[in-house]
Every structure is written in structure tokens, then in C-alpha cells.
Protein backbone atom coordinates (compact mmCIF):
# COMPACT_ATOMS: atom_id res chain seq x y z
CA MET A 1 188.65 60.95 144.94
CA PRO A 2 188.80 64.90 144.63
CA LEU A 3 192.29 66.81 146.10
CA GLN A 4 191.75 69.74 147.25
CA ILE A 5 194.29 72.43 147.84
CA GLN A 6 193.75 75.15 150.29
CA PHE A 7 196.16 78.06 150.95
CA ARG A 8 197.38 79.61 154.12
CA ARG A 9 195.29 83.24 154.48
CA GLY A 10 194.56 86.06 156.66
CA THR A 11 194.47 89.58 156.53
CA ALA A 12 197.36 91.70 156.25
CA SER A 13 197.64 92.80 159.85
CA ALA A 14 197.02 89.47 160.56
CA TRP A 15 200.45 88.26 158.60
CA ALA A 16 202.27 91.42 159.66
CA ALA A 17 201.34 90.44 163.50
CA ALA A 18 202.11 86.49 163.23
CA ASP A 19 205.12 87.09 161.13
CA PRO A 20 205.65 83.34 160.43
CA THR A 21 208.71 82.24 158.01
CA LEU A 22 206.89 80.27 155.13
CA ALA A 23 207.97 77.16 153.99
CA GLN A 24 209.98 77.07 150.66
CA GLY A 25 207.07 77.42 147.74
CA GLU A 26 204.54 77.67 150.37
CA PHE A 27 201.80 80.40 149.33
CA ALA A 28 200.22 83.52 151.83
CA LEU A 29 196.88 84.90 150.50
CA GLU A 30 196.51 88.81 152.08
CA LEU A 31 192.10 88.75 151.91
CA ASP A 32 192.08 92.06 152.58
CA THR A 33 194.55 93.30 149.77
CA ASP A 34 194.27 90.37 147.08
CA LYS A 35 198.41 90.18 147.91
CA PHE A 36 199.68 87.23 148.32
CA LYS A 37 203.59 86.25 148.88
CA ILE A 38 205.41 82.87 148.85
CA GLY A 39 207.87 81.46 151.04
CA ASP A 40 211.42 80.95 150.22
CA GLY A 41 211.92 78.72 153.67
CA THR A 42 214.36 81.12 155.39
CA THR A 43 212.99 85.12 155.18
CA ALA A 44 210.07 86.06 157.58
CA TYR A 45 206.73 87.46 156.20
CA VAL A 46 207.22 90.92 156.52
CA SER A 47 210.50 90.96 154.77
CA LEU A 48 208.97 88.95 151.71
CA PRO A 49 208.04 90.55 148.82
CA TYR A 50 205.16 90.26 147.35
CA GLY A 51 204.34 88.21 144.20
CA GLY A 52 202.15 88.74 140.89
CA ILE A 53 201.63 91.10 138.76
CA VAL A 54 200.22 94.30 139.88
CA GLY A 55 198.63 95.36 136.76
CA PRO A 56 199.37 96.49 133.11
CA VAL A 57 200.60 100.14 132.82
CA GLY A 58 201.57 101.00 129.46
CA PRO A 59 203.62 103.28 127.66
CA SER A 60 202.91 106.93 127.50
CA LEU A 61 202.11 108.42 123.88
CA ALA A 62 205.49 110.56 125.13
CA ASN A 63 207.50 107.52 125.00
CA ILE A 64 205.90 106.43 121.69
CA ASP A 65 206.23 109.06 119.62
CA GLY A 66 209.61 111.08 120.85
CA GLY A 67 207.91 113.60 122.94
CA LEU A 68 206.43 115.24 120.08
CA SER A 69 202.73 114.52 121.48
CA ASN A 70 201.68 117.49 123.36
CA SER A 71 199.42 115.09 126.32
CA VAL A 72 200.71 112.15 127.84
CA TYR A 73 198.41 109.21 127.65
CA THR A 74 198.89 106.35 129.78
CA ILE A 75 196.80 102.73 129.89
CA ALA A 76 196.37 101.30 133.01
CA GLY A 77 193.59 99.07 134.66
CA PRO A 78 193.48 95.31 136.62
CA VAL A 79 194.01 92.73 134.41
CA ASP A 80 190.77 91.18 135.25
CA GLY A 81 188.91 94.02 133.51
CA GLY A 82 188.26 95.57 137.18
CA ASN A 83 187.10 91.88 138.95
CA SER A 84 190.17 91.70 141.31
CA GLY A 85 187.33 91.36 144.22
CA ALA A 86 186.01 87.92 142.18
CA GLN A 87 186.52 84.70 144.50
């Protein structure tokens, strides 16, 4: 028999309006922002921090070469190469 796991989900505004206290380890997904929170069993939803990795931001050349470069280059972008909306 296959196992199905389904997370609680809703829009950011719906989560804020309901402001539930998530159970410890309970995962909640914001469908419109692609952000998530994980409950601790005592903190209301709006007070919980968002979880996960926002995306990589590498060091600038100014930080790498001790500030000798005239230009500052920053490496940034979505972790999944731009497919953050993929299901």
C-alpha cells in the first residue's frame, strides 16, 4: 500500500489570518510565496521564522581580492536554476 504525505498549505494571507500554532515538526507551505515554516508546538504562525535556503549569494570580487578590483561582481540566483515554481 503506497504512503501519501500531504502538508498543510495555503496563501500567505490565509496563514496570517488564521495564525495557527503548528505542532512540533509540522510543515506549512505558502503556495503563493513558495516559502515554508516548521512548527515548534508553542509559537503562533506569524511569529515563526521561515525555513530553508533562500538562494546562494556568493562573495563579491572585492571580498575575494582584498578590495583591489574596481568592479564588484556578485553571484546570485535560484538554487534550482530558475525552476522555483516547479511542482
